[in-house]
Structures are given as C-alpha cells and as structure tokens.
PDB file of N, CA and C in Angstrom:
ATOM      1  N   UNK A   1      49.754  97.835  59.048  1.00  0.00           N
ATOM      2  CA  UNK A   1      50.761  98.854  59.140  1.00  0.00           C
ATOM      3  C   UNK A   1      51.068  99.098  60.601  1.00  0.00           C
ATOM      4  N   UNK A   2      52.308  99.154  60.978  1.00  0.00           N
ATOM      5  CA  UNK A   2      52.685  99.390  62.364  1.00  0.00           C
ATOM      6  C   UNK A   2      53.275 100.784  62.508  1.00  0.00           C
ATOM      7  N   UNK A   3      53.106 101.325  63.691  1.00  0.00           N
ATOM      8  CA  UNK A   3      53.617 102.656  63.981  1.00  0.00           C
ATOM      9  C   UNK A   3      54.811 102.488  64.897  1.00  0.00           C
ATOM     10  N   UNK A   4      55.898 103.118  64.583  1.00  0.00           N
ATOM     11  CA  UNK A   4      57.104 103.006  65.394  1.00  0.00           C
ATOM     12  C   UNK A   4      57.473 104.351  65.984  1.00  0.00           C
ATOM     13  N   UNK A   5      57.994 104.291  67.190  1.00  0.00           N
ATOM     14  CA  UNK A   5      58.465 105.504  67.846  1.00  0.00           C
ATOM     15  C   UNK A   5      59.868 105.789  67.368  1.00  0.00           C
ATOM     16  N   UNK A   6      60.230 107.055  67.332  1.00  0.00           N
ATOM     17  CA  UNK A   6      61.582 107.404  66.917  1.00  0.00           C
ATOM     18  C   UNK A   6      62.593 107.156  68.026  1.00  0.00           C
ATOM     19  N   UNK A   7      62.091 106.938  69.287  1.00  0.00           N
ATOM     20  CA  UNK A   7      63.003 106.669  70.398  1.00  0.00           C
ATOM     21  C   UNK A   7      63.233 105.177  70.523  1.00  0.00           C
ATOM     22  N   UNK A   8      64.469 104.784  70.818  1.00  0.00           N
ATOM     23  CA  UNK A   8      64.724 103.360  70.992  1.00  0.00           C
ATOM     24  C   UNK A   8      64.080 102.848  72.287  1.00  0.00           C
ATOM     25  N   UNK A   9      63.687 101.590  72.282  1.00  0.00           N
ATOM     26  CA  UNK A   9      63.074 100.965  73.463  1.00  0.00           C
ATOM     27  C   UNK A   9      64.154 100.683  74.498  1.00  0.00           C
ATOM     28  N   UNK A  10      63.965 101.115  75.732  1.00  0.00           N
ATOM     29  CA  UNK A  10      64.982 100.950  76.778  1.00  0.00           C
ATOM     30  C   UNK A  10      64.446 100.164  77.957  1.00  0.00           C
ATOM     31  N   UNK A  11      63.737  99.123  77.753  1.00  0.00           N
ATOM     32  CA  UNK A  11      63.234  98.304  78.858  1.00  0.00           C
ATOM     33  C   UNK A  11      61.829  98.713  79.240  1.00  0.00           C
ATOM     34  N   UNK A  12      61.342  98.125  80.303  1.00  0.00           N
ATOM     35  CA  UNK A  12      59.967  98.411  80.715  1.00  0.00           C
ATOM     36  C   UNK A  12      59.809  99.858  81.171  1.00  0.00           C
ATOM     37  N   UNK A  13      58.650 100.370  80.901  1.00  0.00           N
ATOM     38  CA  UNK A  13      58.361 101.741  81.319  1.00  0.00           C
ATOM     39  C   UNK A  13      58.138 101.774  82.821  1.00  0.00           C
ATOM     40  N   UNK A  14      58.544 102.866  83.461  1.00  0.00           N
ATOM     41  CA  UNK A  14      58.318 102.949  84.911  1.00  0.00           C
ATOM     42  C   UNK A  14      56.822 103.028  85.218  1.00  0.00           C
ATOM     43  N   UNK A  15      56.453 102.371  86.276  1.00  0.00           N
ATOM     44  CA  UNK A  15      55.061 102.408  86.722  1.00  0.00           C
ATOM     45  C   UNK A  15      54.935 103.501  87.762  1.00  0.00           C
ATOM     46  N   UNK A  16      54.035 104.423  87.528  1.00  0.00           N
ATOM     47  CA  UNK A  16      53.808 105.499  88.480  1.00  0.00           C
ATOM     48  C   UNK A  16      52.672 105.080  89.393  1.00  0.00           C
ATOM     49  N   UNK A  17      52.985 104.902  90.654  1.00  0.00           N
ATOM     50  CA  UNK A  17      51.971 104.464  91.609  1.00  0.00           C
ATOM     51  C   UNK A  17      51.404 105.674  92.333  1.00  0.00           C
ATOM     52  N   UNK A  18      50.111 105.739  92.350  1.00  0.00           N
ATOM     53  CA  UNK A  18      49.425 106.789  93.079  1.00  0.00           C
ATOM     54  C   UNK A  18      48.919 106.193  94.372  1.00  0.00           C
ATOM     55  N   UNK A  19      49.003 106.931  95.468  1.00  0.00           N
ATOM     56  CA  UNK A  19      48.523 106.380  96.727  1.00  0.00           C
ATOM     57  C   UNK A  19      47.037 106.046  96.643  1.00  0.00           C
ATOM     58  N   UNK A  20      46.686 104.963  97.277  1.00  0.00           N
ATOM     59  CA  UNK A  20      45.286 104.549  97.343  1.00  0.00           C
ATOM     60  C   UNK A  20      44.532 105.612  98.132  1.00  0.00           C
ATOM     61  N   UNK A  21      43.276 105.934  97.759  1.00  0.00           N
ATOM     62  CA  UNK A  21      42.530 106.986  98.469  1.00  0.00           C
ATOM     63  C   UNK A  21      42.447 106.738  99.968  1.00  0.00           C
ATOM     64  N   UNK A  22      42.363 105.477 100.384  1.00  0.00           N
ATOM     65  CA  UNK A  22      42.280 105.212 101.821  1.00  0.00           C
ATOM     66  C   UNK A  22      43.623 105.430 102.509  1.00  0.00           C
ATOM     67  N   UNK A  23      44.710 105.528 101.725  1.00  0.00           N
ATOM     68  CA  UNK A  23      46.020 105.757 102.322  1.00  0.00           C
ATOM     69  C   UNK A  23      46.267 107.234 102.591  1.00  0.00           C
ATOM     70  N   UNK A  24      45.320 108.087 102.204  1.00  0.00           N
ATOM     71  CA  UNK A  24      45.464 109.514 102.484  1.00  0.00           C
ATOM     72  C   UNK A  24      45.491 109.725 103.990  1.00  0.00           C
ATOM     73  N   UNK A  25      45.899 110.886 104.387  1.00  0.00           N
ATOM     74  CA  UNK A  25      46.039 111.178 105.811  1.00  0.00           C
ATOM     75  C   UNK A  25      44.694 111.031 106.522  1.00  0.00           C
ATOM     76  N   UNK A  26      44.460 109.860 107.079  1.00  0.00           N
ATOM     77  CA  UNK A  26      43.223 109.610 107.819  1.00  0.00           C
ATOM     78  C   UNK A  26      43.339 110.272 109.190  1.00  0.00           C
ATOM     79  N   UNK A  27      42.258 110.891 109.644  1.00  0.00           N
ATOM     80  CA  UNK A  27      42.318 111.539 110.948  1.00  0.00           C
ATOM     81  C   UNK A  27      42.406 110.513 112.066  1.00  0.00           C
ATOM     82  N   UNK A  28      42.969 110.931 113.173  1.00  0.00           N
ATOM     83  CA  UNK A  28      43.043 110.038 114.315  1.00  0.00           C
ATOM     84  C   UNK A  28      41.670 109.944 114.973  1.00  0.00           C
ATOM     85  N   UNK A  29      41.509 108.914 115.785  1.00  0.00           N
ATOM     86  CA  UNK A  29      40.259 108.708 116.509  1.00  0.00           C
ATOM     87  C   UNK A  29      40.573 108.818 117.995  1.00  0.00           C
ATOM     88  N   UNK A  30      39.868 109.703 118.673  1.00  0.00           N
ATOM     89  CA  UNK A  30      40.043 109.904 120.108  1.00  0.00           C
ATOM     90  C   UNK A  30      39.010 109.045 120.819  1.00  0.00           C
ATOM     91  N   UNK A  31      39.451 108.231 121.766  1.00  0.00           N
ATOM     92  CA  UNK A  31      38.585 107.280 122.467  1.00  0.00           C
ATOM     93  C   UNK A  31      38.411 107.692 123.927  1.00  0.00           C
ATOM     94  N   UNK A  32      37.177 107.607 124.395  1.00  0.00           N
ATOM     95  CA  UNK A  32      36.848 107.908 125.786  1.00  0.00           C
ATOM     96  C   UNK A  32      36.212 106.670 126.397  1.00  0.00           C
ATOM     97  N   UNK A  33      36.700 106.244 127.540  1.00  0.00           N
ATOM     98  CA  UNK A  33      36.106 105.140 128.290  1.00  0.00           C
ATOM     99  C   UNK A  33      35.630 105.727 129.618  1.00  0.00           C
ATOM    100  N   UNK A  34      34.313 105.704 129.818  1.00  0.00           N
ATOM    101  CA  UNK A  34      33.702 106.404 130.947  1.00  0.00           C
ATOM    102  C   UNK A  34      33.018 105.390 131.858  1.00  0.00           C
ATOM    103  N   UNK A  35      33.307 105.469 133.147  1.00  0.00           N
ATOM    104  CA  UNK A  35      32.628 104.669 134.161  1.00  0.00           C
ATOM    105  C   UNK A  35      31.814 105.628 135.013  1.00  0.00           C
ATOM    106  N   UNK A  36      30.515 105.323 135.179  1.00  0.00           N
ATOM    107  CA  UNK A  36      29.640 106.236 135.911  1.00  0.00           C
ATOM    108  C   UNK A  36      28.564 105.442 136.635  1.00  0.00           C
ATOM    109  N   UNK A  37      27.801 106.146 137.452  1.00  0.00           N
ATOM    110  CA  UNK A  37      26.643 105.551 138.095  1.00  0.00           C
ATOM    111  C   UNK A  37      25.554 105.396 137.035  1.00  0.00           C
ATOM    112  N   UNK A  38      24.803 104.298 137.125  1.00  0.00           N
ATOM    113  CA  UNK A  38      23.732 104.057 136.158  1.00  0.00           C
ATOM    114  C   UNK A  38      22.518 104.903 136.524  1.00  0.00           C
ATOM    115  N   UNK A  39      22.576 106.173 136.126  1.00  0.00           N
ATOM    116  CA  UNK A  39      21.487 107.117 136.381  1.00  0.00           C
ATOM    117  C   UNK A  39      20.995 107.662 135.045  1.00  0.00           C
ATOM    118  N   UNK A  40      19.701 107.983 134.944  1.00  0.00           N
ATOM    119  CA  UNK A  40      19.133 108.414 133.665  1.00  0.00           C
ATOM    120  C   UNK A  40      19.778 109.656 133.046  1.00  0.00           C
ATOM    121  N   UNK A  41      20.310 110.568 133.831  1.00  0.00           N
ATOM    122  CA  UNK A  41      20.835 111.811 133.278  1.00  0.00           C
ATOM    123  C   UNK A  41      22.272 111.755 132.813  1.00  0.00           C
ATOM    124  N   UNK A  42      22.983 110.664 133.073  1.00  0.00           N
ATOM    125  CA  UNK A  42      24.417 110.623 132.743  1.00  0.00           C
ATOM    126  C   UNK A  42      24.646 110.608 131.228  1.00  0.00           C
ATOM    127  N   UNK A  43      23.951 109.720 130.514  1.00  0.00           N
ATOM    128  CA  UNK A  43      24.210 109.614 129.068  1.00  0.00           C
ATOM    129  C   UNK A  43      23.894 110.906 128.314  1.00  0.00           C
ATOM    130  N   UNK A  44      22.758 111.568 128.572  1.00  0.00           N
ATOM    131  CA  UNK A  44      22.537 112.824 127.835  1.00  0.00           C
ATOM    132  C   UNK A  44      23.564 113.898 128.168  1.00  0.00           C
ATOM    133  N   UNK A  45      24.052 113.920 129.405  1.00  0.00           N
ATOM    134  CA  UNK A  45      25.078 114.921 129.755  1.00  0.00           C
ATOM    135  C   UNK A  45      26.384 114.634 129.040  1.00  0.00           C
ATOM    136  N   UNK A  46      26.722 113.349 128.914  1.00  0.00           N
ATOM    137  CA  UNK A  46      27.943 112.975 128.182  1.00  0.00           C
ATOM    138  C   UNK A  46      27.796 113.364 126.714  1.00  0.00           C
ATOM    139  N   UNK A  47      26.682 112.993 126.110  1.00  0.00           N
ATOM    140  CA  UNK A  47      26.465 113.287 124.698  1.00  0.00           C
ATOM    141  C   UNK A  47      26.428 114.788 124.430  1.00  0.00           C
ATOM    142  N   UNK A  48      25.922 115.555 125.378  1.00  0.00           N
ATOM    143  CA  UNK A  48      25.833 117.014 125.217  1.00  0.00           C
ATOM    144  C   UNK A  48      27.205 117.651 124.992  1.00  0.00           C
ATOM    145  N   UNK A  49      28.252 117.118 125.648  1.00  0.00           N
ATOM    146  CA  UNK A  49      29.590 117.694 125.474  1.00  0.00           C
ATOM    147  C   UNK A  49      30.065 117.596 124.023  1.00  0.00           C
ATOM    148  N   UNK A  50      29.649 116.542 123.335  1.00  0.00           N
ATOM    149  CA  UNK A  50      30.023 116.391 121.929  1.00  0.00           C
ATOM    150  C   UNK A  50      29.086 117.196 121.027  1.00  0.00           C
ATOM    151  N   UNK A  51      27.788 117.154 121.327  1.00  0.00           N
ATOM    152  CA  UNK A  51      26.790 117.826 120.491  1.00  0.00           C
ATOM    153  C   UNK A  51      27.005 119.337 120.447  1.00  0.00           C
ATOM    154  N   UNK A  52      27.344 119.943 121.577  1.00  0.00           N
ATOM    155  CA  UNK A  52      27.510 121.399 121.569  1.00  0.00           C
ATOM    156  C   UNK A  52      28.770 121.839 120.830  1.00  0.00           C
ATOM    157  N   UNK A  53      29.642 120.875 120.492  1.00  0.00           N
ATOM    158  CA  UNK A  53      30.823 121.164 119.668  1.00  0.00           C
ATOM    159  C   UNK A  53      30.609 120.681 118.229  1.00  0.00           C
ATOM    160  N   UNK A  54      29.356 120.323 117.919  1.00  0.00           N
ATOM    161  CA  UNK A  54      28.980 119.842 116.586  1.00  0.00           C
ATOM    162  C   UNK A  54      29.749 118.583 116.200  1.00  0.00           C
ATOM    163  N   UNK A  55      29.992 117.699 117.168  1.00  0.00           N
ATOM    164  CA  UNK A  55      30.700 116.447 116.935  1.00  0.00           C
ATOM    165  C   UNK A  55      29.728 115.279 117.049  1.00  0.00           C
ATOM    166  N   UNK A  56      29.810 114.354 116.103  1.00  0.00           N
ATOM    167  CA  UNK A  56      29.019 113.130 116.158  1.00  0.00           C
ATOM    168  C   UNK A  56      29.995 111.979 116.360  1.00  0.00           C
ATOM    169  N   UNK A  57      29.887 111.255 117.471  1.00  0.00           N
ATOM    170  CA  UNK A  57      30.789 110.121 117.679  1.00  0.00           C
ATOM    171  C   UNK A  57      30.648 109.082 116.563  1.00  0.00           C
ATOM    172  N   UNK A  58      31.775 108.513 116.138  1.00  0.00           N
ATOM    173  CA  UNK A  58      31.726 107.444 115.142  1.00  0.00           C
ATOM    174  C   UNK A  58      31.361 106.125 115.806  1.00  0.00           C
ATOM    175  N   UNK A  59      31.518 106.066 117.115  1.00  0.00           N
ATOM    176  CA  UNK A  59      31.124 104.880 117.869  1.00  0.00           C
ATOM    177  C   UNK A  59      30.645 105.310 119.240  1.00  0.00           C
ATOM    178  N   UNK A  60      29.541 104.693 119.693  1.00  0.00           N
ATOM    179  CA  UNK A  60      29.005 104.900 121.041  1.00  0.00           C
ATOM    180  C   UNK A  60      28.493 103.559 121.505  1.00  0.00           C
ATOM    181  N   UNK A  61      29.017 103.088 122.614  1.00  0.00           N
ATOM    182  CA  UNK A  61      28.560 101.815 123.167  1.00  0.00           C
ATOM    183  C   UNK A  61      28.433 101.991 124.667  1.00  0.00           C
ATOM    184  N   UNK A  62      27.305 101.544 125.208  1.00  0.00           N
ATOM    185  CA  UNK A  62      27.130 101.645 126.655  1.00  0.00           C
ATOM    186  C   UNK A  62      26.520 100.357 127.188  1.00  0.00           C
ATOM    187  N   UNK A  63      26.914 100.016 128.408  1.00  0.00           N
ATOM    188  CA  UNK A  63      26.414  98.824 129.102  1.00  0.00           C
ATOM    189  C   UNK A  63      26.163  99.168 130.554  1.00  0.00           C
ATOM    190  N   UNK A  64      25.093  98.595 131.112  1.00  0.00           N
ATOM    191  CA  UNK A  64      24.853  98.683 132.548  1.00  0.00           C
ATOM    192  C   UNK A  64      25.464  97.425 133.158  1.00  0.00           C
ATOM    193  N   UNK A  65      26.296  97.618 134.177  1.00  0.00           N
ATOM    194  CA  UNK A  65      27.034  96.514 134.799  1.00  0.00           C
ATOM    195  C   UNK A  65      26.672  96.375 136.265  1.00  0.00           C
ATOM    196  N   UNK A  66      26.748  95.159 136.784  1.00  0.00           N
ATOM    197  CA  UNK A  66      26.639  94.945 138.224  1.00  0.00           C
ATOM    198  C   UNK A  66      25.230  94.758 138.741  1.00  0.00           C
ATOM    199  N   UNK A  67      25.167  94.731 140.072  1.00  0.00           N
ATOM    200  CA  UNK A  67      23.922  94.465 140.780  1.00  0.00           C
ATOM    201  C   UNK A  67      23.211  95.724 141.209  1.00  0.00           C
ATOM    202  N   UNK A  68      22.799  95.781 142.494  1.00  0.00           N
ATOM    203  CA  UNK A  68      21.962  96.873 142.998  1.00  0.00           C
ATOM    204  C   UNK A  68      22.539  98.280 142.782  1.00  0.00           C
ATOM    205  N   UNK A  69      23.778  98.531 143.121  1.00  0.00           N
ATOM    206  CA  UNK A  69      24.383  99.853 142.901  1.00  0.00           C
ATOM    207  C   UNK A  69      25.048  99.864 141.549  1.00  0.00           C
ATOM    208  N   UNK A  70      24.289  99.632 140.495  1.00  0.00           N
ATOM    209  CA  UNK A  70      24.833  99.358 139.162  1.00  0.00           C
ATOM    210  C   UNK A  70      25.658 100.518 138.601  1.00  0.00           C
ATOM    211  N   UNK A  71      26.586 100.116 137.752  1.00  0.00           N
ATOM    212  CA  UNK A  71      27.462 101.071 137.074  1.00  0.00           C
ATOM    213  C   UNK A  71      27.108 101.134 135.592  1.00  0.00           C
ATOM    214  N   UNK A  72      27.514 102.218 134.984  1.00  0.00           N
ATOM    215  CA  UNK A  72      27.317 102.428 133.559  1.00  0.00           C
ATOM    216  C   UNK A  72      28.689 102.568 132.921  1.00  0.00           C
ATOM    217  N   UNK A  73      28.955 101.754 131.896  1.00  0.00           N
ATOM    218  CA  UNK A  73      30.204 101.848 131.137  1.00  0.00           C
ATOM    219  C   UNK A  73      29.868 102.397 129.762  1.00  0.00           C
ATOM    220  N   UNK A  74      30.511 103.501 129.395  1.00  0.00           N
ATOM    221  CA  UNK A  74      30.274 104.142 128.098  1.00  0.00           C
ATOM    222  C   UNK A  74      31.611 104.234 127.362  1.00  0.00           C
ATOM    223  N   UNK A  75      31.628 103.749 126.139  1.00  0.00           N
ATOM    224  CA  UNK A  75      32.801 103.897 125.275  1.00  0.00           C
ATOM    225  C   UNK A  75      32.396 104.763 124.084  1.00  0.00           C
ATOM    226  N   UNK A  76      33.133 105.844 123.878  1.00  0.00           N
ATOM    227  CA  UNK A  76      32.839 106.796 122.811  1.00  0.00           C
ATOM    228  C   UNK A  76      34.101 106.994 121.983  1.00  0.00           C
ATOM    229  N   UNK A  77      33.937 107.012 120.651  1.00  0.00           N
ATOM    230  CA  UNK A  77      35.052 107.297 119.758  1.00  0.00           C
ATOM    231  C   UNK A  77      34.658 108.454 118.847  1.00  0.00           C
ATOM    232  N   UNK A  78      35.537 109.443 118.773  1.00  0.00           N
ATOM    233  CA  UNK A  78      35.277 110.636 117.972  1.00  0.00           C
ATOM    234  C   UNK A  78      36.452 110.836 117.016  1.00  0.00           C
ATOM    235  N   UNK A  79      36.134 111.034 115.756  1.00  0.00           N
ATOM    236  CA  UNK A  79      37.161 111.189 114.738  1.00  0.00           C
ATOM    237  C   UNK A  79      37.571 112.652 114.583  1.00  0.00           C
ATOM    238  N   UNK A  80      38.874 112.871 114.403  1.00  0.00           N
ATOM    239  CA  UNK A  80      39.374 114.186 114.041  1.00  0.00           C
ATOM    240  C   UNK A  80      39.609 115.165 115.176  1.00  0.00           C
ATOM    241  N   UNK A  81      39.558 114.721 116.419  1.00  0.00           N
ATOM    242  CA  UNK A  81      39.833 115.633 117.535  1.00  0.00           C
ATOM    243  C   UNK A  81      41.330 115.836 117.685  1.00  0.00           C
ATOM    244  N   UNK A  82      41.720 117.028 118.039  1.00  0.00           N
ATOM    245  CA  UNK A  82      43.116 117.245 118.410  1.00  0.00           C
ATOM    246  C   UNK A  82      43.313 116.691 119.818  1.00  0.00           C
ATOM    247  N   UNK A  83      44.534 116.421 120.171  1.00  0.00           N
ATOM    248  CA  UNK A  83      44.828 115.930 121.518  1.00  0.00           C
ATOM    249  C   UNK A  83      44.401 116.947 122.556  1.00  0.00           C
ATOM    250  N   UNK A  84      44.615 118.216 122.273  1.00  0.00           N
ATOM    251  CA  UNK A  84      44.243 119.280 123.211  1.00  0.00           C
ATOM    252  C   UNK A  84      42.738 119.292 123.460  1.00  0.00           C
ATOM    253  N   UNK A  85      41.940 119.232 122.390  1.00  0.00           N
ATOM    254  CA  UNK A  85      40.488 119.238 122.546  1.00  0.00           C
ATOM    255  C   UNK A  85      40.002 117.950 123.205  1.00  0.00           C
ATOM    256  N   UNK A  86      40.580 116.819 122.843  1.00  0.00           N
ATOM    257  CA  UNK A  86      40.204 115.551 123.465  1.00  0.00           C
ATOM    258  C   UNK A  86      40.461 115.557 124.962  1.00  0.00           C
ATOM    259  N   UNK A  87      41.617 116.088 125.361  1.00  0.00           N
ATOM    260  CA  UNK A  87      41.941 116.179 126.790  1.00  0.00           C
ATOM    261  C   UNK A  87      40.990 117.141 127.516  1.00  0.00           C
ATOM    262  N   UNK A  88      40.621 118.227 126.847  1.00  0.00           N
ATOM    263  CA  UNK A  88      39.685 119.182 127.448  1.00  0.00           C
ATOM    264  C   UNK A  88      38.309 118.541 127.653  1.00  0.00           C
ATOM    265  N   UNK A  89      37.833 117.812 126.644  1.00  0.00           N
ATOM    266  CA  UNK A  89      36.546 117.136 126.776  1.00  0.00           C
ATOM    267  C   UNK A  89      36.603 116.108 127.901  1.00  0.00           C
ATOM    268  N   UNK A  90      37.719 115.402 128.041  1.00  0.00           N
ATOM    269  CA  UNK A  90      37.865 114.427 129.129  1.00  0.00           C
ATOM    270  C   UNK A  90      37.765 115.119 130.488  1.00  0.00           C
ATOM    271  N   UNK A  91      38.386 116.291 130.621  1.00  0.00           N
ATOM    272  CA  UNK A  91      38.285 117.032 131.889  1.00  0.00           C
ATOM    273  C   UNK A  91      36.838 117.435 132.159  1.00  0.00           C
ATOM    274  N   UNK A  92      36.118 117.850 131.116  1.00  0.00           N
ATOM    275  CA  UNK A  92      34.698 118.214 131.271  1.00  0.00           C
ATOM    276  C   UNK A  92      33.863 116.994 131.659  1.00  0.00           C
ATOM    277  N   UNK A  93      34.153 115.854 131.058  1.00  0.00           N
ATOM    278  CA  UNK A  93      33.424 114.626 131.392  1.00  0.00           C
ATOM    279  C   UNK A  93      33.593 114.265 132.867  1.00  0.00           C
ATOM    280  N   UNK A  94      34.799 114.472 133.377  1.00  0.00           N
ATOM    281  CA  UNK A  94      35.082 114.144 134.786  1.00  0.00           C
ATOM    282  C   UNK A  94      34.292 115.023 135.756  1.00  0.00           C
ATOM    283  N   UNK A  95      33.782 116.155 135.300  1.00  0.00           N
ATOM    284  CA  UNK A  95      33.012 117.060 136.161  1.00  0.00           C
ATOM    285  C   UNK A  95      31.517 116.755 136.168  1.00  0.00           C
ATOM    286  N   UNK A  96      31.079 115.827 135.331  1.00  0.00           N
ATOM    287  CA  UNK A  96      29.653 115.474 135.279  1.00  0.00           C
ATOM    288  C   UNK A  96      29.289 114.686 136.544  1.00  0.00           C
ATOM    289  N   UNK A  97      28.213 115.090 137.232  1.00  0.00           N
ATOM    290  CA  UNK A  97      27.795 114.341 138.424  1.00  0.00           C
ATOM    291  C   UNK A  97      27.496 112.879 138.073  1.00  0.00           C
ATOM    292  N   UNK A  98      28.040 111.977 138.861  1.00  0.00           N
ATOM    293  CA  UNK A  98      27.839 110.550 138.641  1.00  0.00           C
ATOM    294  C   UNK A  98      28.964 109.882 137.881  1.00  0.00           C
ATOM    295  N   UNK A  99      29.815 110.660 137.207  1.00  0.00           N
ATOM    296  CA  UNK A  99      30.948 110.081 136.478  1.00  0.00           C
ATOM    297  C   UNK A  99      32.079 109.822 137.458  1.00  0.00           C
ATOM    298  N   UNK A 100      32.550 108.580 137.484  1.00  0.00           N
ATOM    299  CA  UNK A 100      33.621 108.193 138.412  1.00  0.00           C
ATOM    300  C   UNK A 100      34.993 108.231 137.747  1.00  0.00           C
ATOM    301  N   UNK A 101      35.091 107.728 136.516  1.00  0.00           N
ATOM    302  CA  UNK A 101      36.384 107.601 135.850  1.00  0.00           C
ATOM    303  C   UNK A 101      36.245 107.906 134.367  1.00  0.00           C
ATOM    304  N   UNK A 102      37.246 108.594 133.820  1.00  0.00           N
ATOM    305  CA  UNK A 102      37.324 108.830 132.376  1.00  0.00           C
ATOM    306  C   UNK A 102      38.745 108.496 131.941  1.00  0.00           C
ATOM    307  N   UNK A 103      38.870 107.521 131.063  1.00  0.00           N
ATOM    308  CA  UNK A 103      40.158 107.165 130.477  1.00  0.00           C
ATOM    309  C   UNK A 103      40.130 107.561 129.009  1.00  0.00           C
ATOM    310  N   UNK A 104      41.289 107.942 128.475  1.00  0.00           N
ATOM    311  CA  UNK A 104      41.367 108.337 127.070  1.00  0.00           C
ATOM    312  C   UNK A 104      42.477 107.581 126.363  1.00  0.00           C
ATOM    313  N   UNK A 105      42.321 107.457 125.065  1.00  0.00           N
ATOM    314  CA  UNK A 105      43.353 106.894 124.191  1.00  0.00           C
ATOM    315  C   UNK A 105      43.168 107.527 122.822  1.00  0.00           C
ATOM    316  N   UNK A 106      44.229 107.521 122.054  1.00  0.00           N
ATOM    317  CA  UNK A 106      44.162 108.083 120.711  1.00  0.00           C
ATOM    318  C   UNK A 106      44.654 107.033 119.729  1.00  0.00           C
ATOM    319  N   UNK A 107      43.819 106.706 118.745  1.00  0.00           N
ATOM    320  CA  UNK A 107      44.194 105.748 117.712  1.00  0.00           C
ATOM    321  C   UNK A 107      44.595 106.536 116.481  1.00  0.00           C
ATOM    322  N   UNK A 108      45.815 106.287 116.023  1.00  0.00           N
ATOM    323  CA  UNK A 108      46.302 106.965 114.821  1.00  0.00           C
ATOM    324  C   UNK A 108      46.418 105.945 113.700  1.00  0.00           C
ATOM    325  N   UNK A 109      46.219 106.382 112.462  1.00  0.00           N
ATOM    326  CA  UNK A 109      46.403 105.458 111.346  1.00  0.00           C
ATOM    327  C   UNK A 109      47.836 104.956 111.302  1.00  0.00           C
ATOM    328  N   UNK A 110      48.044 103.765 110.767  1.00  0.00           N
ATOM    329  CA  UNK A 110      49.371 103.155 110.720  1.00  0.00           C
ATOM    330  C   UNK A 110      50.386 104.050 110.007  1.00  0.00           C
ATOM    331  N   UNK A 111      49.976 104.773 108.981  1.00  0.00           N
ATOM    332  CA  UNK A 111      50.897 105.639 108.240  1.00  0.00           C
ATOM    333  C   UNK A 111      51.390 106.801 109.075  1.00  0.00           C
ATOM    334  N   UNK A 112      50.642 107.205 110.109  1.00  0.00           N
ATOM    335  CA  UNK A 112      51.022 108.351 110.921  1.00  0.00           C
ATOM    336  C   UNK A 112      51.960 107.971 112.069  1.00  0.00           C
ATOM    337  N   UNK A 113      52.091 106.673 112.326  1.00  0.00           N
ATOM    338  CA  UNK A 113      52.942 106.226 113.426  1.00  0.00           C
ATOM    339  C   UNK A 113      54.401 106.145 112.991  1.00  0.00           C
ATOM    340  N   UNK A 114      55.270 106.322 113.941  1.00  0.00           N
ATOM    341  CA  UNK A 114      56.694 106.159 113.688  1.00  0.00           C
ATOM    342  C   UNK A 114      57.001 104.672 113.557  1.00  0.00           C
ATOM    343  N   UNK A 115      57.916 104.272 112.666  1.00  0.00           N
ATOM    344  CA  UNK A 115      58.249 102.855 112.550  1.00  0.00           C
ATOM    345  C   UNK A 115      58.739 102.310 113.892  1.00  0.00           C
ATOM    346  N   UNK A 116      58.202 101.190 114.277  1.00  0.00           N
ATOM    347  CA  UNK A 116      58.601 100.558 115.531  1.00  0.00           C
ATOM    348  C   UNK A 116      57.940 101.121 116.760  1.00  0.00           C
ATOM    349  N   UNK A 117      57.120 102.164 116.623  1.00  0.00           N
ATOM    350  CA  UNK A 117      56.480 102.792 117.779  1.00  0.00           C
ATOM    351  C   UNK A 117      55.195 102.049 118.128  1.00  0.00           C
ATOM    352  N   UNK A 118      54.879 102.017 119.391  1.00  0.00           N
ATOM    353  CA  UNK A 118      53.641 101.418 119.856  1.00  0.00           C
ATOM    354  C   UNK A 118      52.581 102.496 119.947  1.00  0.00           C
ATOM    355  N   UNK A 119      51.345 102.099 119.710  1.00  0.00           N
ATOM    356  CA  UNK A 119      50.246 103.057 119.794  1.00  0.00           C
ATOM    357  C   UNK A 119      49.079 102.423 120.499  1.00  0.00           C
ATOM    358  N   UNK A 120      48.384 103.209 121.318  1.00  0.00           N
ATOM    359  CA  UNK A 120      47.216 102.687 122.018  1.00  0.00           C
ATOM    360  C   UNK A 120      45.979 102.951 121.218  1.00  0.00           C
TER     361      UNK A 120
END
C-alpha cells in the first residue's frame, strides 16, 4: 500500500543548508613578534602580560639567535583579542627591559575579510 500526498509534486525539494560549525564567527588571532636580548627574565615578563589578563596564548615559539651577544625571538599568538587590547599589550611589551622590537599582526578568518582584501 502506498501513501500519497494531497499536494502535487513540483520538482525537487529545496535543500536547506546550515552553516558548518567551523564556519561560525571564528575569533581573530592577534600575533606578536618580539625581538629581545637573550636574558633569563625576558620570557617570564612577556608571559606575565598575558597571564595577568587571564589569557593563554594559542601559540608560543621562541628561539635564541646569534653568537656572543645573542638575541631572543619570541612569536606569540593570542585568540580573541580586540585590536585595542592587542595594541595596548604591544605597547606594554615594548617597555620590558631587554625588549628591542615588537611587531604585531592580526589574522582574521576568511569569512570576516572583505572580498578582494588582503590580510596579514
């Protein structure tokens, strides 16, 4: 026995697509590139700026570079910072003794970028 609908068939039913969970508004990632003197107190002072704001970096990478007057390169990525807070933390990082340079960049998810726009 077959069951029939009282409505006539009018072609394929529309497919309702729901956004993939990963396509939801992903937070941006604020990146810090720090060049400093290779001294024991630099890394804990850098990390302290994030810890006292209850932030855990999603990425932390550091390398000691060079010869006798060695340098320390630290790359830190923190998720969900506003541009204002990221810029403020960068200014604080620049005041740490031994820190020579702090560069910043902000990575935004592809969905948040304007079509045709470049992003760092």
